[in-house]
């Protein structure tokens, strides 16, 4: 259950960090955007280490589904672009896959 809190926080940190670089390179924002971007990316990496998993790859794979859904929320809230039904269906499929990876029974 700890993962249900960590993954959304990690997604916010990763998307925020990547967006800082996007803003600098694609939106002609100041290079000062890079400092908080780097801090966010460091926080993202640190948060993923807190996920209770016996394998880093499994933790990262499950995170992928959460990241995709968080990206769609970012697109809607920050970029003011409404996800279409295919975005939402794809996000749901990814989230189900992440749940299977994260909560599936292990031997």
Foldseek 3Di string as FASTA:
>chain_A
DVLVVLLLLLLVLQVQLVVLVCCVPPVVDDPVSNVSSVVSNVVSVVSLVPDPDPDSVLSVQLSVLVNLVSVQVCCCPVVVDHDDPVSVVVSVVSNVVSCCSRVPDDD
